[in-house]
Amino acid sequence: MSYREYYKGIEVYGTRYTIHYDKEGNAKQANGNFRSIGNIDIIPEITETDALSIAINSIGKDVVATNHPQGNLIIFTKEEPRLAYKFIH
């Protein structure tokens, strides 16, 4: 069984903790990674639409008008934890 970390209801990107069971259903091993978030503001400074425009401009791609990726708010933890949008289409 795997678990993801959330901070104030927002997924902490890239974290997962897994519990491994034997055939009888007994927990035998656990491993994974969680992050120390501290106290960050979970109110975005920019809108999802603005974040998508910035992402499109930064990669230099044209997006077809009918292709509107869904933006999900996440906490990105590569350096200091910060709020970000993850786009999925």
Protein backbone atom coordinates (compact mmCIF):
# COMPACT_ATOMS: atom_id res chain seq x y z
CA MET A 1 0.00 0.00 0.00
CA SER A 2 1.38 3.40 -0.99
CA TYR A 3 0.73 6.80 0.55
CA ARG A 4 1.41 10.31 -0.74
CA GLU A 5 2.19 13.33 1.41
CA TYR A 6 -0.17 16.30 1.56
CA TYR A 7 0.25 19.70 3.18
CA LYS A 8 -2.99 21.53 4.00
CA GLY A 9 -4.74 19.40 1.35
CA ILE A 10 -2.16 20.01 -1.41
CA GLU A 11 -0.04 17.13 -2.72
CA VAL A 12 3.68 17.35 -2.01
CA TYR A 13 5.07 16.40 -5.42
CA GLY A 14 7.46 13.46 -5.62
CA THR A 15 6.76 11.95 -2.21
CA ARG A 16 5.56 8.42 -1.56
CA TYR A 17 5.70 6.00 1.32
CA THR A 18 5.06 2.29 0.72
CA ILE A 19 4.27 -0.49 3.17
CA HIS A 20 5.07 -4.02 1.96
CA TYR A 21 3.08 -7.00 3.25
CA ASP A 22 3.71 -10.73 3.28
CA LYS A 23 1.18 -13.31 2.00
CA GLU A 24 -0.55 -13.39 5.38
CA GLY A 25 -1.11 -9.63 5.32
CA ASN A 26 1.50 -8.71 7.91
CA ALA A 27 3.50 -5.54 7.37
CA LYS A 28 7.11 -6.55 6.75
CA GLN A 29 8.85 -3.50 5.36
CA ALA A 30 8.24 0.21 4.87
CA ASN A 31 10.17 2.68 2.78
CA GLY A 32 9.74 5.95 1.00
CA ASN A 33 10.32 9.65 1.31
CA PHE A 34 8.48 12.53 2.92
CA ARG A 35 9.57 16.17 2.98
CA SER A 36 9.71 18.73 5.76
CA ILE A 37 7.50 21.55 4.52
CA GLY A 38 7.57 23.98 7.41
CA ASN A 39 4.97 26.70 7.05
CA ILE A 40 4.32 27.97 3.52
CA ASP A 41 1.46 30.05 2.16
CA ILE A 42 -0.93 27.91 0.09
CA ILE A 43 -2.63 30.83 -1.67
CA PRO A 44 -1.26 31.09 -5.24
CA GLU A 45 0.27 34.39 -6.31
CA ILE A 46 -0.72 33.82 -9.95
CA THR A 47 -3.74 32.21 -11.60
CA GLU A 48 -3.72 28.82 -13.29
CA THR A 49 -4.21 30.59 -16.65
CA ASP A 50 -1.19 32.84 -16.07
CA ALA A 51 0.93 29.85 -14.99
CA LEU A 52 0.00 27.98 -18.18
CA SER A 53 0.93 31.01 -20.33
CA ILE A 54 4.29 31.28 -18.58
CA ALA A 55 4.94 27.55 -19.08
CA ILE A 56 4.01 27.67 -22.78
CA ASN A 57 6.18 30.75 -23.37
CA SER A 58 9.14 29.22 -21.54
CA ILE A 59 9.18 26.05 -23.67
CA GLY A 60 8.43 27.88 -26.92
CA LYS A 61 5.66 25.57 -28.09
CA ASP A 62 2.43 26.34 -29.88
CA VAL A 63 -0.61 24.85 -28.21
CA VAL A 64 -3.68 23.96 -30.23
CA ALA A 65 -6.70 25.97 -29.13
CA THR A 66 -8.59 22.80 -28.14
CA ASN A 67 -5.73 21.55 -25.95
CA HIS A 68 -6.25 23.03 -22.48
CA PRO A 69 -4.14 21.16 -19.93
CA GLN A 70 -5.58 20.80 -16.45
CA GLY A 71 -3.52 22.61 -13.82
CA ASN A 72 -3.18 21.09 -10.36
CA LEU A 73 -1.75 22.99 -7.43
CA ILE A 74 1.20 21.13 -5.86
CA ILE A 75 4.03 21.78 -3.46
CA PHE A 76 7.34 21.41 -5.29
CA THR A 77 10.31 20.59 -3.05
CA LYS A 78 13.44 20.48 -5.21
CA GLU A 79 15.08 23.23 -3.16
CA GLU A 80 12.86 25.19 -0.78
CA PRO A 81 9.22 24.04 -0.72
CA ARG A 82 7.05 26.29 -2.88
CA LEU A 83 3.64 26.32 -4.45
CA ALA A 84 3.47 25.46 -8.16
CA TYR A 85 1.09 24.30 -10.86
CA LYS A 86 1.51 20.90 -12.49
CA PHE A 87 -0.19 20.69 -15.88
CA ILE A 88 -1.64 17.47 -17.23
CA HIS A 89 -3.40 17.02 -20.53
